[in-house]
Protein backbone atom coordinates (compact mmCIF):
# COMPACT_ATOMS: atom_id res chain seq x y z
CA MET A 1 -9.89 0.49 -26.47
CA THR A 2 -6.50 0.17 -24.78
CA PRO A 3 -4.33 -2.94 -25.36
CA ARG A 4 -4.50 -3.80 -21.65
CA ALA A 5 -8.27 -4.23 -21.91
CA ILE A 6 -7.79 -7.22 -24.25
CA GLY A 7 -6.92 -10.70 -23.02
CA LYS A 8 -4.78 -13.27 -24.87
CA SER A 9 -7.87 -14.72 -26.53
CA GLY A 10 -8.71 -11.36 -28.04
CA ARG A 11 -11.80 -11.00 -25.83
CA LEU A 12 -12.32 -8.07 -23.55
CA ARG A 13 -11.26 -8.75 -19.99
CA HIS A 14 -14.23 -9.22 -17.70
CA GLU A 15 -13.22 -6.43 -15.34
CA SER A 16 -13.13 -3.90 -18.19
CA VAL A 17 -16.66 -4.73 -19.39
CA SER A 18 -19.45 -2.83 -17.67
CA LEU A 19 -23.19 -2.45 -18.16
CA ALA A 20 -22.37 0.68 -20.14
CA THR A 21 -20.12 -1.37 -22.46
CA VAL A 22 -22.93 -3.80 -23.20
CA ALA A 23 -25.43 -0.96 -23.62
CA GLN A 24 -23.20 0.83 -26.13
CA ASP A 25 -22.62 -2.37 -28.09
CA THR A 26 -26.32 -3.21 -28.35
CA GLY A 27 -27.71 0.30 -28.74
CA VAL A 28 -30.00 0.12 -25.69
CA SER A 29 -29.95 1.97 -22.37
CA VAL A 30 -27.90 0.95 -19.36
CA ALA A 31 -31.17 0.58 -17.43
CA THR A 32 -32.46 -1.92 -20.00
CA VAL A 33 -29.26 -3.97 -19.80
CA SER A 34 -29.44 -3.89 -16.00
CA ARG A 35 -33.02 -5.18 -15.99
CA ILE A 36 -32.17 -8.01 -18.38
CA VAL A 37 -29.07 -8.97 -16.37
CA ASN A 38 -31.24 -9.15 -13.25
CA GLY A 39 -33.90 -11.25 -14.99
CA LYS A 40 -36.50 -8.49 -15.38
CA ASN A 41 -37.36 -8.77 -19.06
CA GLY A 42 -40.94 -7.51 -18.99
CA ARG A 43 -40.25 -4.18 -20.70
CA ALA A 44 -37.88 -5.49 -23.34
CA SER A 45 -38.78 -7.29 -26.56
CA ALA A 46 -37.61 -10.83 -27.17
CA GLU A 47 -35.28 -9.52 -29.87
CA THR A 48 -33.70 -7.02 -27.45
CA VAL A 49 -33.27 -9.66 -24.75
CA ALA A 50 -31.59 -11.98 -27.24
CA ARG A 51 -29.31 -9.21 -28.54
CA VAL A 52 -28.23 -8.23 -25.03
CA ALA A 53 -27.68 -11.85 -24.02
CA GLU A 54 -25.49 -12.41 -27.08
CA ALA A 55 -23.44 -9.29 -26.30
CA ILE A 56 -22.98 -10.35 -22.68
CA GLU A 57 -21.59 -13.68 -23.81
CA ARG A 58 -19.47 -12.24 -26.61
CA LEU A 59 -17.97 -9.40 -24.53
CA GLY A 60 -17.52 -11.54 -21.45
CA TYR A 61 -19.52 -9.29 -19.11
CA ARG A 62 -19.74 -10.45 -15.50
CA PRO A 63 -21.98 -8.64 -12.98
CA SER A 64 -20.10 -6.84 -10.19
CA PRO A 65 -20.59 -8.78 -6.94
CA VAL A 66 -20.03 -5.50 -5.06
CA GLY A 67 -22.73 -3.63 -6.92
CA ARG A 68 -25.11 -6.57 -6.66
CA ALA A 69 -24.60 -6.89 -2.93
CA LEU A 70 -25.08 -3.15 -2.42
CA ARG A 71 -28.26 -3.11 -4.51
CA ARG A 72 -29.77 -6.15 -2.81
CA ARG A 73 -28.51 -5.23 0.67
CA THR A 74 -27.37 -8.83 1.10
CA SER A 75 -24.35 -7.79 3.15
CA ARG A 76 -24.70 -7.51 6.91
CA VAL A 77 -21.31 -5.84 7.32
CA VAL A 78 -20.82 -2.10 7.87
CA ALA A 79 -17.41 -0.42 7.75
CA MET A 80 -16.43 2.38 10.13
CA LEU A 81 -13.44 4.50 9.15
CA SER A 82 -12.20 6.64 12.02
CA PRO A 83 -8.98 8.54 12.72
CA ASN A 84 -6.75 8.22 15.78
CA LEU A 85 -8.54 5.56 17.79
CA ASP A 86 -6.30 6.35 20.75
CA ASN A 87 -8.56 9.40 21.21
CA PRO A 88 -11.25 8.50 23.78
CA ALA A 89 -13.88 10.43 21.77
CA MET A 90 -13.24 8.32 18.65
CA ALA A 91 -13.32 5.14 20.69
CA ALA A 92 -16.62 6.16 22.32
CA ILE A 93 -18.24 6.73 18.91
CA ALA A 94 -17.00 3.33 17.74
CA VAL A 95 -18.34 1.54 20.82
CA SER A 96 -21.76 3.17 20.50
CA THR A 97 -22.07 2.47 16.77
CA GLU A 98 -20.89 -1.13 17.04
CA ALA A 99 -23.45 -1.83 19.78
CA ALA A 100 -26.33 -0.35 17.76
CA LEU A 101 -25.34 -2.24 14.61
CA ARG A 102 -24.84 -5.52 16.47
CA LYS A 103 -28.28 -5.24 18.08
CA ALA A 104 -29.77 -4.73 14.61
CA GLY A 105 -28.00 -7.82 13.26
CA TYR A 106 -24.99 -6.20 11.58
CA VAL A 107 -21.25 -6.68 12.01
CA MET A 108 -18.97 -3.64 12.10
CA ILE A 109 -15.42 -3.54 10.74
CA LEU A 110 -13.30 -0.77 12.30
CA CYS A 111 -10.42 0.90 10.42
CA ASP A 112 -8.09 3.63 11.69
CA THR A 113 -7.32 6.16 8.95
CA HIS A 114 -4.95 8.25 11.10
CA ASP A 115 -6.49 11.33 9.38
CA ARG A 116 -4.59 10.45 6.19
CA PRO A 117 -6.46 10.65 2.86
CA GLU A 118 -4.44 7.84 1.24
CA LEU A 119 -5.26 5.46 4.10
CA GLN A 120 -8.90 6.50 3.96
CA ASP A 121 -8.96 5.62 0.23
CA ASP A 122 -7.20 2.30 0.80
CA TYR A 123 -9.80 1.32 3.39
CA LEU A 124 -12.72 2.53 1.26
CA GLN A 125 -11.56 0.27 -1.57
CA ALA A 126 -10.80 -2.66 0.73
CA MET A 127 -14.21 -2.43 2.36
CA ARG A 128 -15.92 -2.17 -1.02
CA ASP A 129 -14.14 -5.38 -1.99
CA GLN A 130 -15.62 -6.94 1.16
CA LEU A 131 -19.14 -6.11 -0.09
CA VAL A 132 -20.01 -3.93 2.89
CA ALA A 133 -23.57 -2.62 3.12
CA GLY A 134 -22.48 0.91 4.01
CA TYR A 135 -19.83 3.17 5.48
CA VAL A 136 -19.64 5.21 8.68
CA LEU A 137 -17.00 7.91 8.24
CA VAL A 138 -15.92 9.55 11.47
CA SER A 139 -14.10 12.84 10.90
CA ALA A 140 -13.56 12.11 7.21
CA VAL A 141 -11.02 13.99 5.11
CA ARG A 142 -11.23 15.07 1.48
CA SER A 143 -9.95 12.36 -0.87
CA LYS A 144 -10.39 10.96 -4.37
CA GLY A 145 -11.73 7.68 -3.05
CA LEU A 146 -14.36 9.46 -1.00
CA GLU A 147 -15.46 11.38 -4.07
CA GLN A 148 -15.78 8.11 -6.00
CA THR A 149 -17.69 6.39 -3.20
CA LEU A 150 -20.20 9.22 -3.03
CA GLY A 151 -20.41 9.34 -6.83
CA ARG A 152 -21.49 5.71 -6.88
CA GLY A 153 -24.29 6.54 -4.47
CA GLU A 154 -23.13 4.08 -1.84
CA PRO A 155 -24.61 4.50 1.68
CA VAL A 156 -22.38 6.78 3.76
CA VAL A 157 -22.96 8.50 7.12
CA PHE A 158 -20.60 11.24 8.27
CA VAL A 159 -20.05 11.46 12.03
CA ALA A 160 -18.55 14.26 14.16
CA ARG A 161 -17.25 16.09 11.07
CA ARG A 162 -19.39 16.96 8.07
CA ASN A 163 -18.70 15.66 4.59
CA PRO A 164 -15.56 17.55 3.45
CA LEU A 165 -16.98 17.50 -0.09
CA GLY A 166 -20.30 18.99 1.03
CA GLY A 167 -23.73 17.52 1.69
CA GLY A 168 -24.57 14.04 2.92
CA PRO A 169 -26.06 12.69 6.14
CA TYR A 170 -24.40 13.89 9.33
CA VAL A 171 -24.55 12.86 12.99
CA GLY A 172 -22.94 15.21 15.50
CA ILE A 173 -23.46 18.25 17.68
CA ASP A 174 -23.97 21.91 16.84
CA ASN A 175 -20.33 22.87 17.24
CA ARG A 176 -20.91 26.60 17.02
CA ALA A 177 -23.43 26.40 19.85
CA ALA A 178 -20.92 24.44 21.93
CA GLY A 179 -18.32 27.17 21.44
CA ALA A 180 -20.87 29.83 22.37
CA ASP A 181 -21.71 27.93 25.57
CA ALA A 182 -18.02 27.90 26.51
CA ALA A 183 -17.89 31.67 26.06
CA ASP A 184 -20.99 32.15 28.22
CA PHE A 185 -19.42 29.99 30.92
CA MET A 186 -16.32 32.18 31.05
CA LEU A 187 -18.17 35.49 30.87
CA ALA A 188 -20.40 34.39 33.75
CA ARG A 189 -17.25 33.95 35.84
CA GLY A 190 -15.83 37.33 34.95
CA ILE A 191 -13.25 35.99 32.50
CA GLU A 192 -13.47 38.72 29.88
CA ARG A 193 -10.33 38.02 27.85
CA PRO A 194 -10.18 34.24 27.38
CA ALA A 195 -8.08 32.59 24.68
CA VAL A 196 -8.61 29.59 22.42
CA LEU A 197 -6.30 26.71 21.50
CA LEU A 198 -6.78 24.70 18.30
CA ALA A 199 -4.98 22.65 15.67
CA ALA A 200 -3.23 24.34 12.76
CA GLU A 201 -4.80 21.83 10.34
CA ASN A 202 -8.21 22.65 11.69
CA ALA A 203 -11.16 20.39 10.95
CA SER A 204 -14.60 21.83 10.31
CA SER A 205 -15.90 20.64 13.69
CA THR A 206 -13.21 22.25 15.84
CA ALA A 207 -13.06 25.34 13.63
CA GLU A 208 -16.79 25.81 14.22
CA ARG A 209 -16.30 25.50 17.99
CA ALA A 210 -13.64 28.20 17.93
CA ALA A 211 -15.79 30.42 15.70
CA GLY A 212 -18.83 30.06 17.95
CA PHE A 213 -16.67 30.93 20.96
CA VAL A 214 -15.20 34.06 19.37
CA ASP A 215 -18.51 35.24 17.91
CA ARG A 216 -20.25 35.02 21.28
CA LEU A 217 -17.47 36.98 23.01
CA VAL A 218 -17.58 39.67 20.32
CA ALA A 219 -21.37 39.85 20.67
CA HIS A 220 -20.81 40.63 24.37
CA GLY A 221 -18.45 43.49 23.57
CA VAL A 222 -15.08 41.76 23.68
CA PRO A 223 -12.88 43.19 20.90
CA ALA A 224 -12.03 40.49 18.37
CA ASP A 225 -8.33 41.42 18.44
CA ALA A 226 -8.30 40.96 22.22
CA ILE A 227 -9.16 37.25 21.90
CA ARG A 228 -5.86 35.46 21.63
CA ARG A 229 -5.64 32.32 19.49
CA ALA A 230 -2.82 29.81 19.35
CA SER A 231 -2.42 26.68 17.26
CA ALA A 232 0.17 24.04 16.45
CA PRO A 233 0.61 21.52 13.64
CA GLY A 234 0.26 17.76 13.91
CA LEU A 235 -2.35 15.04 14.34
CA SER A 236 -2.02 14.24 18.06
CA HIS A 237 -4.26 16.63 19.95
CA ILE A 238 -2.30 16.14 23.19
CA GLU A 239 0.89 17.27 21.49
CA ILE A 240 -0.97 20.07 19.72
CA GLY A 241 -2.37 21.27 23.05
CA TYR A 242 1.05 21.38 24.65
CA ALA A 243 2.71 23.20 21.72
CA ALA A 244 -0.19 25.62 21.22
CA ALA A 245 -0.27 26.48 24.93
CA ARG A 246 3.46 27.17 24.85
CA ALA A 247 2.98 29.51 21.88
CA LEU A 248 0.10 31.23 23.68
CA VAL A 249 2.13 31.81 26.84
CA ALA A 250 5.14 33.03 24.86
CA GLY A 251 2.90 35.58 23.18
CA GLY A 252 1.48 37.16 26.35
CA GLY A 253 1.40 34.83 29.35
CA TRP A 254 -1.42 32.70 30.68
CA PRO A 255 -4.93 34.18 30.40
CA ARG A 256 -7.55 33.54 33.07
CA GLY A 257 -9.43 31.17 30.81
CA VAL A 258 -8.80 29.06 27.71
CA LEU A 259 -11.15 27.18 25.41
CA CYS A 260 -9.49 23.98 24.20
CA VAL A 261 -11.48 22.73 21.22
CA SER A 262 -11.09 19.12 22.40
CA ASP A 263 -10.39 17.46 25.73
CA MET A 264 -7.14 16.05 24.36
CA ILE A 265 -5.90 19.56 23.58
CA ALA A 266 -6.79 20.49 27.16
CA TYR A 267 -4.69 17.57 28.45
CA GLY A 268 -1.68 18.92 26.56
CA ALA A 269 -2.24 22.47 27.84
CA TYR A 270 -2.52 21.15 31.41
CA ARG A 271 0.87 19.46 31.08
CA LEU A 272 2.49 22.81 30.28
CA ALA A 273 0.60 24.48 33.13
CA ALA A 274 1.88 21.83 35.57
CA GLU A 275 5.44 22.35 34.35
CA SER A 276 4.95 26.10 34.89
CA ASP A 277 3.60 25.64 38.45
CA LEU A 278 0.31 27.20 37.32
CA ALA A 279 -2.71 26.04 39.32
CA ILE A 280 -5.60 24.83 37.17
CA PRO A 281 -8.38 25.91 37.46
CA ARG A 282 -7.53 28.51 40.12
CA ASP A 283 -5.12 30.54 38.00
CA CYS A 284 -6.54 29.59 34.62
CA ALA A 285 -9.81 27.84 33.78
CA LEU A 286 -9.45 25.27 31.01
CA VAL A 287 -12.65 24.38 29.16
CA GLY A 288 -12.64 21.35 26.86
CA VAL A 289 -15.13 19.81 24.45
CA ASP A 290 -15.92 16.07 24.53
CA GLY A 291 -16.56 15.22 28.17
CA ASN A 292 -14.44 12.06 27.99
CA ALA A 293 -15.46 9.42 30.51
CA ILE A 294 -11.92 9.26 31.89
CA ASN A 295 -11.99 12.93 32.93
CA ASN A 296 -13.33 12.09 36.38
CA TRP A 297 -10.30 9.85 36.88
CA ILE A 298 -7.44 11.80 35.33
CA ALA A 299 -8.72 15.35 34.77
CA PRO A 300 -10.92 16.56 37.66
CA TRP A 301 -9.46 20.01 36.98
CA LEU A 302 -11.13 20.15 33.53
CA THR A 303 -14.52 21.68 32.81
CA SER A 304 -15.78 20.08 29.62
CA ILE A 305 -18.79 20.36 27.36
CA ARG A 306 -20.03 16.78 27.27
CA ILE A 307 -20.99 15.22 23.94
CA PRO A 308 -23.27 12.16 24.45
CA TYR A 309 -21.34 9.85 22.14
CA GLU A 310 -23.14 6.87 23.64
CA THR A 311 -26.28 7.96 21.75
CA PHE A 312 -24.60 8.40 18.37
CA GLY A 313 -24.84 4.75 17.36
CA GLN A 314 -28.61 4.62 17.13
CA HIS A 315 -28.67 7.78 15.02
CA VAL A 316 -26.03 6.33 12.70
CA LEU A 317 -28.06 3.14 12.28
CA GLU A 318 -31.20 5.13 11.47
CA GLN A 319 -29.31 7.17 8.88
CA LEU A 320 -28.06 4.00 7.20
CA ARG A 321 -31.53 2.47 7.22
CA SER A 322 -32.94 5.58 5.59
CA GLN A 323 -30.43 5.31 2.76
CA TRP A 324 -31.00 1.58 2.34
CA SER A 325 -34.70 2.32 1.90
CA GLY A 326 -34.02 5.06 -0.64
CA ALA A 327 -34.97 7.98 1.63
CA GLU A 328 -33.27 11.37 1.40
CA ALA A 329 -30.20 11.98 3.54
CA SER A 330 -30.50 14.30 6.53
CA GLU A 331 -28.51 15.89 9.34
CA VAL A 332 -28.94 14.91 13.00
CA TYR A 333 -27.81 17.34 15.67
CA VAL A 334 -27.41 15.58 19.00
CA PRO A 335 -27.81 18.00 21.94
CA HIS A 336 -24.62 18.51 23.91
CA GLN A 337 -24.61 18.89 27.68
CA PRO A 338 -24.27 22.58 28.61
CA LEU A 339 -21.74 23.73 31.16
CA ILE A 340 -22.98 24.39 34.67
């Protein structure tokens, strides 16, 4: 026992005393202590109940309001953690999920993690303190707090990007298939040596899009070393698109077609093309992935694989309900809209 676990009275501090502490002190299982704490004494003898009750009083155990709320599902609040909410795709997922939760009687709290693990952990802890009923993690990153949240068995749904620690319920598209569709689109138009732009710190979702694109081209006889790839560091996909396009052009000029693994990357590439007096799509076809609603207004030059983010919310709600009922987690692949 560390000195900091002891209060001035010599008693253990409440926050340091868990069900396991009481179980160890009384020589019974954690499950038995839990049942007695929650008033379910049927399986325990009167002597055991009395011994546990005495230990609870003596050790100063207090039930965790967070754990109790999560077990009883008394909370009607769900936390969404999402990076870079200035990205229209992230905003569309948030709008869809909030609407589905609100219709079902829940309130959603939205937090922007900026793709930073320390912020993600701060929000996970803050939302746990708020007794949320579950978490919706959009494009989550690996972090200690995420590992702890999953280890406690709290309800979590991963959206757009799979669990970076592996496993868990997922709502998103088949990213490899989306990349393959982009390759088919270009091959059908006689673009046999397209390139691909992506982020240097590549997420699983965008990496899968690029891999599906390259694999389909190779399957159609395009040499793998003939498919140029360019990337750039950073978190802003617009800036990444601009810098990656500049690196691509410096390494061999503009190709006739480029897959940009997100619409925002395509916006950045278009900026460089405009500065270079390159006509898009006449001189180079840019293909994005997202199908942002604003494309018709600001990017009529962009051909984009459309992801129906407006349908994600209902799938997220169903995944949470499954976990609340104790059902096994699953993966939901929402069909994307193929290119025409």
